C-alpha atoms as a PDB file:
ATOM      1  CA  MET A   1       0.000   0.000   0.000  1.00  0.00           C
ATOM      2  CA  VAL A   2       1.193   3.485  -0.863  1.00  0.00           C
ATOM      3  CA  LYS A   3       1.654   5.703   2.197  1.00  0.00           C
ATOM      4  CA  SER A   4       1.935   9.432   2.583  1.00  0.00           C
ATOM      5  CA  MET A   5       4.872  10.939   4.445  1.00  0.00           C
ATOM      6  CA  THR A   6       2.538  13.371   6.194  1.00  0.00           C
ATOM      7  CA  GLY A   7       0.303  12.098   8.965  1.00  0.00           C
ATOM      8  CA  TYR A   8      -0.953  12.472  12.506  1.00  0.00           C
ATOM      9  CA  GLY A   9      -1.880   9.969  15.186  1.00  0.00           C
ATOM     10  CA  ARG A  10      -2.829  10.293  18.853  1.00  0.00           C
ATOM     11  CA  ALA A  11      -3.526   7.882  21.681  1.00  0.00           C
ATOM     12  CA  VAL A  12      -4.495   8.491  25.326  1.00  0.00           C
ATOM     13  CA  GLU A  13      -4.690   5.548  27.716  1.00  0.00           C
ATOM     14  CA  MET A  14      -4.675   4.913  31.434  1.00  0.00           C
ATOM     15  CA  VAL A  15      -2.313   2.031  32.175  1.00  0.00           C
ATOM     16  CA  ASN A  16      -1.562   0.840  35.716  1.00  0.00           C
ATOM     17  CA  GLY A  17      -2.543   4.133  37.287  1.00  0.00           C
ATOM     18  CA  ARG A  18      -0.683   6.290  34.765  1.00  0.00           C
ATOM     19  CA  GLU A  19      -2.253   8.276  31.942  1.00  0.00           C
ATOM     20  CA  PHE A  20      -0.060   8.359  28.840  1.00  0.00           C
ATOM     21  CA  THR A  21      -0.711  10.766  25.980  1.00  0.00           C
ATOM     22  CA  VAL A  22       1.239  10.104  22.779  1.00  0.00           C
ATOM     23  CA  GLU A  23       1.078  12.254  19.642  1.00  0.00           C
ATOM     24  CA  VAL A  24       2.852  11.388  16.398  1.00  0.00           C
ATOM     25  CA  ARG A  25       3.082  13.773  13.481  1.00  0.00           C
ATOM     26  CA  SER A  26       5.262  13.869  10.381  1.00  0.00           C
ATOM     27  CA  VAL A  27       6.103  15.930   7.305  1.00  0.00           C
ATOM     28  CA  ASN A  28       8.111  15.291   4.161  1.00  0.00           C
ATOM     29  CA  ASN A  29      11.804  14.608   4.452  1.00  0.00           C
ATOM     30  CA  ARG A  30      14.391  12.921   2.265  1.00  0.00           C
ATOM     31  CA  TYR A  31      15.386  10.491   5.014  1.00  0.00           C
ATOM     32  CA  LEU A  32      13.926   9.287   8.323  1.00  0.00           C
ATOM     33  CA  ASP A  33      14.469  11.877  11.049  1.00  0.00           C
ATOM     34  CA  CYS A  34      12.776  11.087  14.354  1.00  0.00           C
ATOM     35  CA  THR A  35      12.589  13.391  17.372  1.00  0.00           C
ATOM     36  CA  VAL A  36      11.069  12.235  20.662  1.00  0.00           C
ATOM     37  CA  LYS A  37      10.024  14.651  23.414  1.00  0.00           C
ATOM     38  CA  LEU A  38       9.043  13.035  26.687  1.00  0.00           C
ATOM     39  CA  PRO A  39       9.075  13.671  30.464  1.00  0.00           C
ATOM     40  CA  ARG A  40      12.366  13.241  32.276  1.00  0.00           C
ATOM     41  CA  VAL A  41      11.028  10.229  34.160  1.00  0.00           C
ATOM     42  CA  LEU A  42      10.594   8.458  30.803  1.00  0.00           C
ATOM     43  CA  ASN A  43      13.957   9.385  29.283  1.00  0.00           C
ATOM     44  CA  PHE A  44      15.125   5.783  29.471  1.00  0.00           C
ATOM     45  CA  GLY A  45      12.436   4.855  26.920  1.00  0.00           C
ATOM     46  CA  GLU A  46      13.513   7.236  24.134  1.00  0.00           C
ATOM     47  CA  ASP A  47      15.434   4.617  22.162  1.00  0.00           C
ATOM     48  CA  ALA A  48      12.555   2.118  22.336  1.00  0.00           C
ATOM     49  CA  VAL A  49      10.164   4.752  20.979  1.00  0.00           C
ATOM     50  CA  LYS A  50      12.533   5.567  18.106  1.00  0.00           C
ATOM     51  CA  GLN A  51      12.858   1.885  17.236  1.00  0.00           C
ATOM     52  CA  ALA A  52       9.065   1.567  17.137  1.00  0.00           C
ATOM     53  CA  VAL A  53       8.875   4.553  14.782  1.00  0.00           C
ATOM     54  CA  LYS A  54      11.630   3.093  12.598  1.00  0.00           C
ATOM     55  CA  ALA A  55       9.671  -0.156  12.304  1.00  0.00           C
ATOM     56  CA  THR A  56       6.665   1.795  11.016  1.00  0.00           C
ATOM     57  CA  VAL A  57       8.195   4.623   8.967  1.00  0.00           C
ATOM     58  CA  SER A  58      10.872   4.543   6.270  1.00  0.00           C
ATOM     59  CA  ARG A  59      11.086   8.220   5.380  1.00  0.00           C
ATOM     60  CA  GLY A  60       9.927  11.556   6.776  1.00  0.00           C
ATOM     61  CA  LYS A  61      10.447  14.037   9.597  1.00  0.00           C
ATOM     62  CA  VAL A  62       8.650  12.417  12.533  1.00  0.00           C
ATOM     63  CA  ASP A  63       7.985  14.127  15.868  1.00  0.00           C
ATOM     64  CA  VAL A  64       6.694  12.161  18.863  1.00  0.00           C
ATOM     65  CA  PHE A  65       5.307  14.023  21.889  1.00  0.00           C
ATOM     66  CA  ILE A  66       4.679  12.099  25.117  1.00  0.00           C
ATOM     67  CA  THR A  67       3.130  13.342  28.361  1.00  0.00           C
ATOM     68  CA  LEU A  68       2.508  11.429  31.580  1.00  0.00           C
ATOM     69  CA  ARG A  69       0.062  11.997  34.394  1.00  0.00           C
ATOM     70  CA  SER A  70       0.506   9.610  37.288  1.00  0.00           C
ATOM     71  CA  GLU A  71      -1.974   8.820  40.032  1.00  0.00           C
ATOM     72  CA  ASP A  72       1.029   7.720  42.084  1.00  0.00           C
ATOM     73  CA  ALA A  73       1.755  11.388  42.730  1.00  0.00           C
ATOM     74  CA  ALA A  74      -0.458  11.058  45.798  1.00  0.00           C
ATOM     75  CA  ASP A  75       2.037   8.560  47.178  1.00  0.00           C
ATOM     76  CA  VAL A  76       4.865  11.074  47.093  1.00  0.00           C
ATOM     77  CA  LYS A  77       5.851  12.083  50.636  1.00  0.00           C
ATOM     78  CA  VAL A  78       7.307  15.483  51.378  1.00  0.00           C
ATOM     79  CA  THR A  79       8.709  15.866  54.912  1.00  0.00           C
ATOM     80  CA  LEU A  80      10.406  18.721  56.695  1.00  0.00           C
ATOM     81  CA  ASN A  81      14.105  18.304  57.332  1.00  0.00           C
ATOM     82  CA  LYS A  82      14.022  19.681  60.893  1.00  0.00           C
ATOM     83  CA  PRO A  83      17.772  19.623  61.619  1.00  0.00           C
ATOM     84  CA  MET A  84      18.422  21.532  58.413  1.00  0.00           C
ATOM     85  CA  VAL A  85      15.706  24.131  59.150  1.00  0.00           C
ATOM     86  CA  GLU A  86      16.980  24.604  62.704  1.00  0.00           C
ATOM     87  CA  GLY A  87      20.470  25.087  61.362  1.00  0.00           C
ATOM     88  CA  TYR A  88      19.279  27.773  58.926  1.00  0.00           C
ATOM     89  CA  LEU A  89      17.299  29.562  61.677  1.00  0.00           C
ATOM     90  CA  ALA A  90      20.246  29.549  64.065  1.00  0.00           C
ATOM     91  CA  ALA A  91      22.588  30.884  61.379  1.00  0.00           C
ATOM     92  CA  MET A  92      20.153  33.667  60.436  1.00  0.00           C
ATOM     93  CA  ASP A  93      19.631  34.640  64.077  1.00  0.00           C
ATOM     94  CA  GLN A  94      23.384  34.823  64.534  1.00  0.00           C
ATOM     95  CA  MET A  95      23.663  36.948  61.378  1.00  0.00           C
ATOM     96  CA  ALA A  96      21.104  39.401  62.750  1.00  0.00           C
ATOM     97  CA  GLN A  97      22.920  39.740  66.100  1.00  0.00           C
ATOM     98  CA  LEU A  98      26.399  40.080  64.648  1.00  0.00           C
ATOM     99  CA  TYR A  99      25.580  42.593  61.942  1.00  0.00           C
ATOM    100  CA  GLY A 100      22.620  44.410  63.379  1.00  0.00           C
ATOM    101  CA  VAL A 101      20.251  43.528  60.570  1.00  0.00           C
ATOM    102  CA  ARG A 102      16.591  42.683  60.898  1.00  0.00           C
ATOM    103  CA  ASN A 103      15.837  38.990  61.071  1.00  0.00           C
ATOM    104  CA  ASP A 104      12.907  38.846  58.612  1.00  0.00           C
ATOM    105  CA  VAL A 105      13.065  35.127  57.940  1.00  0.00           C
ATOM    106  CA  SER A 106       9.800  33.594  56.722  1.00  0.00           C
ATOM    107  CA  THR A 107       8.550  30.223  55.475  1.00  0.00           C
ATOM    108  CA  ALA A 108       8.818  31.543  51.914  1.00  0.00           C
ATOM    109  CA  VAL A 109      12.511  32.299  52.458  1.00  0.00           C
ATOM    110  CA  LEU A 110      13.208  29.016  54.213  1.00  0.00           C
ATOM    111  CA  SER A 111      11.416  26.903  51.607  1.00  0.00           C
ATOM    112  CA  ARG A 112      13.874  28.105  48.960  1.00  0.00           C
ATOM    113  CA  MET A 113      16.869  26.913  50.961  1.00  0.00           C
ATOM    114  CA  PRO A 114      18.551  23.695  49.776  1.00  0.00           C
ATOM    115  CA  ASP A 115      17.533  20.430  51.465  1.00  0.00           C
ATOM    116  CA  VAL A 116      14.799  21.962  53.617  1.00  0.00           C
ATOM    117  CA  PHE A 117      12.376  19.313  52.368  1.00  0.00           C
ATOM    118  CA  THR A 118      12.876  15.623  51.859  1.00  0.00           C
ATOM    119  CA  VAL A 119      10.901  14.105  48.989  1.00  0.00           C
ATOM    120  CA  GLU A 120      10.258  10.384  48.973  1.00  0.00           C
ATOM    121  CA  LYS A 121       8.920   8.898  45.750  1.00  0.00           C
ATOM    122  CA  PRO A 122       7.621   5.366  45.286  1.00  0.00           C
ATOM    123  CA  GLU A 123      10.100   3.064  43.569  1.00  0.00           C
ATOM    124  CA  VAL A 124       9.560   2.885  39.818  1.00  0.00           C
ATOM    125  CA  ASN A 125       9.699  -0.401  37.939  1.00  0.00           C
ATOM    126  CA  GLU A 126      11.271   0.881  34.714  1.00  0.00           C
ATOM    127  CA  GLU A 127      10.646  -2.350  32.833  1.00  0.00           C
ATOM    128  CA  GLN A 128       6.929  -2.238  33.576  1.00  0.00           C
ATOM    129  CA  LEU A 129       6.762   1.506  32.940  1.00  0.00           C
ATOM    130  CA  LEU A 130       8.389   1.045  29.536  1.00  0.00           C
ATOM    131  CA  ALA A 131       5.966  -1.745  28.643  1.00  0.00           C
ATOM    132  CA  ASP A 132       3.028   0.479  29.602  1.00  0.00           C
ATOM    133  CA  LEU A 133       4.446   3.364  27.583  1.00  0.00           C
ATOM    134  CA  MET A 134       5.016   1.257  24.464  1.00  0.00           C
ATOM    135  CA  THR A 135       1.429   0.005  24.605  1.00  0.00           C
ATOM    136  CA  VAL A 136       0.219   3.558  24.070  1.00  0.00           C
ATOM    137  CA  VAL A 137       3.018   4.451  21.631  1.00  0.00           C
ATOM    138  CA  ASN A 138       2.105   1.510  19.414  1.00  0.00           C
ATOM    139  CA  GLN A 139      -1.558   2.513  19.456  1.00  0.00           C
ATOM    140  CA  ALA A 140      -0.646   6.069  18.437  1.00  0.00           C
ATOM    141  CA  LEU A 141       1.536   4.695  15.639  1.00  0.00           C
ATOM    142  CA  ARG A 142      -1.332   2.532  14.388  1.00  0.00           C
ATOM    143  CA  ASN A 143      -3.612   5.570  14.286  1.00  0.00           C
ATOM    144  CA  TYR A 144      -0.882   7.567  12.587  1.00  0.00           C
ATOM    145  CA  ASP A 145      -0.226   4.846  10.021  1.00  0.00           C
ATOM    146  CA  ALA A 146      -3.943   4.541   9.259  1.00  0.00           C
ATOM    147  CA  MET A 147      -4.071   8.236   8.363  1.00  0.00           C
ATOM    148  CA  ARG A 148      -0.991   7.881   6.169  1.00  0.00           C
ATOM    149  CA  CYS A 149      -2.661   4.998   4.330  1.00  0.00           C
ATOM    150  CA  VAL A 150      -5.791   7.053   3.671  1.00  0.00           C
ATOM    151  CA  GLU A 151      -3.743   9.938   2.281  1.00  0.00           C
ATOM    152  CA  GLY A 152      -1.533   7.484   0.397  1.00  0.00           C
ATOM    153  CA  LYS A 153      -4.582   5.997  -1.333  1.00  0.00           C
ATOM    154  CA  ALA A 154      -5.645   9.469  -2.458  1.00  0.00           C
ATOM    155  CA  LEU A 155      -2.135  10.089  -3.822  1.00  0.00           C
ATOM    156  CA  GLU A 156      -2.156   6.731  -5.593  1.00  0.00           C
ATOM    157  CA  ASN A 157      -5.497   7.484  -7.269  1.00  0.00           C
ATOM    158  CA  ASP A 158      -4.232  10.874  -8.391  1.00  0.00           C
ATOM    159  CA  LEU A 159      -1.040   9.397  -9.852  1.00  0.00           C
ATOM    160  CA  ARG A 160      -2.959   6.682 -11.684  1.00  0.00           C
ATOM    161  CA  SER A 161      -5.326   9.280 -13.133  1.00  0.00           C
ATOM    162  CA  ARG A 162      -2.471  11.469 -14.330  1.00  0.00           C
ATOM    163  CA  GLY A 163      -0.615   8.436 -15.677  1.00  0.00           C
ATOM    164  CA  GLN A 164      -3.659   7.561 -17.771  1.00  0.00           C
ATOM    165  CA  THR A 165      -3.851  11.149 -18.998  1.00  0.00           C
ATOM    166  CA  ILE A 166      -0.216  10.933 -20.119  1.00  0.00           C
ATOM    167  CA  ALA A 167      -0.874   7.584 -21.833  1.00  0.00           C
ATOM    168  CA  ASP A 168      -3.763   9.161 -23.751  1.00  0.00           C
ATOM    169  CA  LEU A 169      -1.552  12.080 -24.769  1.00  0.00           C
ATOM    170  CA  VAL A 170       1.178   9.682 -25.901  1.00  0.00           C
ATOM    171  CA  SER A 171      -1.419   7.942 -28.080  1.00  0.00           C
ATOM    172  CA  GLN A 172      -2.139  11.283 -29.744  1.00  0.00           C
ATOM    173  CA  VAL A 173       1.575  11.800 -30.356  1.00  0.00           C
ATOM    174  CA  GLU A 174       1.858   8.295 -31.838  1.00  0.00           C
ATOM    175  CA  ALA A 175      -1.158   8.876 -34.058  1.00  0.00           C
ATOM    176  CA  GLY A 176       0.208  12.147 -35.411  1.00  0.00           C
ATOM    177  CA  SER A 177       3.856  11.154 -35.653  1.00  0.00           C
ATOM    178  CA  PRO A 178       3.724   9.213 -38.984  1.00  0.00           C
ATOM    179  CA  GLN A 179       2.142  12.161 -40.758  1.00  0.00           C
ATOM    180  CA  THR A 180       4.710  14.500 -39.203  1.00  0.00           C
ATOM    181  CA  VAL A 181       7.525  12.260 -40.461  1.00  0.00           C
ATOM    182  CA  ALA A 182       5.952  12.038 -43.928  1.00  0.00           C
ATOM    183  CA  ASP A 183       5.509  15.792 -44.159  1.00  0.00           C
ATOM    184  CA  TYR A 184       9.068  16.363 -43.005  1.00  0.00           C
ATOM    185  CA  ARG A 185      10.398  13.890 -45.537  1.00  0.00           C
ATOM    186  CA  ALA A 186       8.437  15.511 -48.357  1.00  0.00           C
ATOM    187  CA  ARG A 187       9.678  18.970 -47.437  1.00  0.00           C
ATOM    188  CA  LEU A 188      13.241  17.692 -47.185  1.00  0.00           C
ATOM    189  CA  GLU A 189      13.062  15.923 -50.554  1.00  0.00           C
ATOM    190  CA  ASN A 190      11.713  19.006 -52.272  1.00  0.00           C
ATOM    191  CA  LYS A 191      14.361  21.180 -50.691  1.00  0.00           C
ATOM    192  CA  MET A 192      17.179  18.803 -51.680  1.00  0.00           C
ATOM    193  CA  LYS A 193      15.877  18.580 -55.258  1.00  0.00           C
ATOM    194  CA  GLU A 194      15.687  22.351 -55.424  1.00  0.00           C
ATOM    195  CA  VAL A 195      19.230  22.783 -54.139  1.00  0.00           C
ATOM    196  CA  LEU A 196      20.645  20.037 -56.352  1.00  0.00           C
ATOM    197  CA  ALA A 197      18.635  20.904 -59.466  1.00  0.00           C
ATOM    198  CA  SER A 198      21.692  22.260 -61.222  1.00  0.00           C
ATOM    199  CA  THR A 199      23.836  19.182 -60.516  1.00  0.00           C
ATOM    200  CA  THR A 200      23.733  15.634 -61.696  1.00  0.00           C
ATOM    201  CA  ILE A 201      22.851  13.218 -58.888  1.00  0.00           C
ATOM    202  CA  ASP A 202      20.891   9.998 -58.658  1.00  0.00           C
ATOM    203  CA  GLU A 203      17.321  10.715 -57.486  1.00  0.00           C
ATOM    204  CA  SER A 204      17.298   7.505 -55.435  1.00  0.00           C
ATOM    205  CA  ARG A 205      20.240   8.916 -53.480  1.00  0.00           C
ATOM    206  CA  ILE A 206      18.183  12.008 -52.717  1.00  0.00           C
ATOM    207  CA  LEU A 207      15.295   9.883 -51.491  1.00  0.00           C
ATOM    208  CA  THR A 208      17.635   7.785 -49.331  1.00  0.00           C
ATOM    209  CA  GLU A 209      19.223  10.816 -47.714  1.00  0.00           C
ATOM    210  CA  ALA A 210      15.803  12.376 -47.116  1.00  0.00           C
ATOM    211  CA  ALA A 211      14.606   9.162 -45.464  1.00  0.00           C
ATOM    212  CA  ILE A 212      17.655   9.097 -43.174  1.00  0.00           C
ATOM    213  CA  PHE A 213      17.092  12.670 -42.017  1.00  0.00           C
ATOM    214  CA  ALA A 214      13.341  12.146 -41.701  1.00  0.00           C
ATOM    215  CA  ASP A 215      13.920   9.225 -39.315  1.00  0.00           C
ATOM    216  CA  LYS A 216      15.566  11.669 -36.968  1.00  0.00           C
ATOM    217  CA  VAL A 217      12.207  13.273 -36.248  1.00  0.00           C
ATOM    218  CA  ALA A 218      10.474   9.944 -35.578  1.00  0.00           C
ATOM    219  CA  VAL A 219       9.522   9.503 -31.905  1.00  0.00           C
ATOM    220  CA  ASP A 220       8.578   5.820 -31.895  1.00  0.00           C
ATOM    221  CA  GLU A 221      11.418   4.778 -29.600  1.00  0.00           C
ATOM    222  CA  GLU A 222      10.694   7.559 -27.110  1.00  0.00           C
ATOM    223  CA  THR A 223       6.961   6.860 -26.918  1.00  0.00           C
ATOM    224  CA  VAL A 224       7.633   3.145 -26.398  1.00  0.00           C
ATOM    225  CA  ARG A 225      10.004   3.903 -23.521  1.00  0.00           C
ATOM    226  CA  LEU A 226       7.569   6.427 -22.060  1.00  0.00           C
ATOM    227  CA  ARG A 227       4.808   3.830 -22.093  1.00  0.00           C
ATOM    228  CA  SER A 228       7.183   1.354 -20.454  1.00  0.00           C
ATOM    229  CA  HIS A 229       7.898   3.880 -17.683  1.00  0.00           C
ATOM    230  CA  LEU A 230       4.169   4.392 -17.162  1.00  0.00           C
ATOM    231  CA  GLN A 231       3.755   0.635 -16.752  1.00  0.00           C
ATOM    232  CA  GLN A 232       6.600   0.603 -14.224  1.00  0.00           C
ATOM    233  CA  MET A 233       4.887   3.374 -12.265  1.00  0.00           C
ATOM    234  CA  ASP A 234       1.673   1.363 -12.235  1.00  0.00           C
ATOM    235  CA  GLN A 235       3.564  -1.713 -10.962  1.00  0.00           C
ATOM    236  CA  MET A 236       5.199   0.337  -8.207  1.00  0.00           C
ATOM    237  CA  LEU A 237       1.835   1.676  -7.097  1.00  0.00           C
ATOM    238  CA  CYS A 238       0.474  -1.869  -7.011  1.00  0.00           C
ATOM    239  CA  SER A 239       3.406  -3.186  -4.964  1.00  0.00           C
ATOM    240  CA  GLY A 240       3.248  -0.264  -2.498  1.00  0.00           C
ATOM    241  CA  GLY A 241       5.785   0.178   0.296  1.00  0.00           C
ATOM    242  CA  ALA A 242       8.485   2.827   0.350  1.00  0.00           C
ATOM    243  CA  ILE A 243       8.432   3.698  -3.366  1.00  0.00           C
ATOM    244  CA  GLY A 244       8.925   7.474  -3.176  1.00  0.00           C
ATOM    245  CA  ARG A 245      12.585   7.499  -4.198  1.00  0.00           C
ATOM    246  CA  LYS A 246      12.033   4.954  -6.981  1.00  0.00           C
ATOM    247  CA  LEU A 247       9.183   7.043  -8.371  1.00  0.00           C
ATOM    248  CA  ASP A 248      11.367  10.136  -8.251  1.00  0.00           C
ATOM    249  CA  PHE A 249      14.060   8.418 -10.323  1.00  0.00           C
ATOM    250  CA  LEU A 250      11.471   7.036 -12.762  1.00  0.00           C
ATOM    251  CA  LEU A 251      10.030  10.519 -13.266  1.00  0.00           C
ATOM    252  CA  GLN A 252      13.467  11.795 -14.250  1.00  0.00           C
ATOM    253  CA  GLU A 253      13.540   9.181 -17.018  1.00  0.00           C
ATOM    254  CA  MET A 254      10.002  10.077 -18.127  1.00  0.00           C
ATOM    255  CA  ASN A 255      10.943  13.742 -18.287  1.00  0.00           C
ATOM    256  CA  ARG A 256      13.982  12.867 -20.375  1.00  0.00           C
ATOM    257  CA  GLU A 257      11.841  11.007 -22.917  1.00  0.00           C
ATOM    258  CA  SER A 258       9.261  13.792 -23.092  1.00  0.00           C
ATOM    259  CA  ASN A 259      12.036  16.364 -23.625  1.00  0.00           C
ATOM    260  CA  THR A 260      13.422  14.291 -26.503  1.00  0.00           C
ATOM    261  CA  ILE A 261       9.978  13.992 -28.077  1.00  0.00           C
ATOM    262  CA  GLY A 262       9.539  17.745 -27.727  1.00  0.00           C
ATOM    263  CA  SER A 263      12.859  18.445 -29.434  1.00  0.00           C
ATOM    264  CA  LYS A 264      11.898  16.223 -32.375  1.00  0.00           C
ATOM    265  CA  CYS A 265       8.358  17.509 -32.884  1.00  0.00           C
ATOM    266  CA  SER A 266       8.244  20.214 -35.518  1.00  0.00           C
ATOM    267  CA  ASP A 267       4.465  20.028 -35.712  1.00  0.00           C
ATOM    268  CA  VAL A 268       2.817  22.726 -33.573  1.00  0.00           C
ATOM    269  CA  ARG A 269      -0.098  20.523 -32.528  1.00  0.00           C
ATOM    270  CA  LEU A 270       2.184  17.721 -31.335  1.00  0.00           C
ATOM    271  CA  ALA A 271       4.413  20.251 -29.567  1.00  0.00           C
ATOM    272  CA  ARG A 272       1.391  21.413 -27.589  1.00  0.00           C
ATOM    273  CA  ILE A 273       0.597  17.834 -26.639  1.00  0.00           C
ATOM    274  CA  VAL A 274       4.158  17.392 -25.371  1.00  0.00           C
ATOM    275  CA  VAL A 275       3.726  20.520 -23.233  1.00  0.00           C
ATOM    276  CA  GLU A 276       0.633  18.907 -21.696  1.00  0.00           C
ATOM    277  CA  ILE A 277       2.623  15.722 -21.006  1.00  0.00           C
ATOM    278  CA  LYS A 278       5.313  17.745 -19.238  1.00  0.00           C
ATOM    279  CA  ALA A 279       2.683  19.566 -17.180  1.00  0.00           C
ATOM    280  CA  GLU A 280       1.207  16.261 -16.008  1.00  0.00           C
ATOM    281  CA  LEU A 281       4.674  14.910 -15.186  1.00  0.00           C
ATOM    282  CA  GLU A 282       5.378  17.984 -13.080  1.00  0.00           C
ATOM    283  CA  LYS A 283       2.147  17.451 -11.146  1.00  0.00           C
ATOM    284  CA  ILE A 284       3.111  13.815 -10.579  1.00  0.00           C
ATOM    285  CA  ARG A 285       6.551  14.932  -9.363  1.00  0.00           C
ATOM    286  CA  GLU A 286       4.942  17.281  -6.822  1.00  0.00           C
ATOM    287  CA  GLN A 287       2.692  14.507  -5.532  1.00  0.00           C
ATOM    288  CA  THR A 288       5.599  12.075  -5.376  1.00  0.00           C
ATOM    289  CA  GLN A 289       7.321  14.360  -2.884  1.00  0.00           C
ATOM    290  CA  ASN A 290       4.552  13.354  -0.423  1.00  0.00           C
ATOM    291  CA  ILE A 291       4.958   9.593  -0.894  1.00  0.00           C
ATOM    292  CA  GLU A 292       7.074   7.588   1.526  1.00  0.00           C
END
């Protein structure tokens, strides 16, 4: 299945007394670039999150945002470090007596002093916490991937439609090409006869030379290759997966063939058709930039 490089997925779940919120979003990028932003208590899980993203995404700029709200916060115990507080009070009282300054100590002042409070947190089982986190991360990635598939299907349909348009235009070029070659050959023969009218030369030689030059404006080989490239694009879309780079390379080849056809077409009507082919190829190229 074709997937878009842009997408968004979110999951919020309560697991073992902790509420995890995971958001995944991505935009186009030449390679995979993953950034994970998570609370400090979950820092140990950053690599696991990146590996999960790597297993899902091949290309794109992916940002993962994780927040945690724990019901265990009620179990955190904050106690007053009495010896430390008494030491601060004694030192401040001594400062006031020695230097004749007002002792305006308050709880606000004391609370900012180092080690006034002792905080006891419940022991965290990192292995279990990581397992809980990855449950929600994987759900967010599934939601994210589902959105990419929906957008990818729309891109696939658009590319198929434009590919068919190009195939129809190529048919018009093929239909008009023989007449263009014949007209060119006739003009070339007449011109050569006019130039060589005063000299003695075998007429069959003139016809042969005219045929050789006329073949140079034939576009049969280019249209055959262009059709082959269109078939390859269709096969890539059917196979799905990370085909963005392959499509980009294939489009370069298709552009090369269309440029060659354009340089050979002396007929104004066919030249206009080639311009339409190039316009469709450019639109395909723009859409390809969104495909993984």
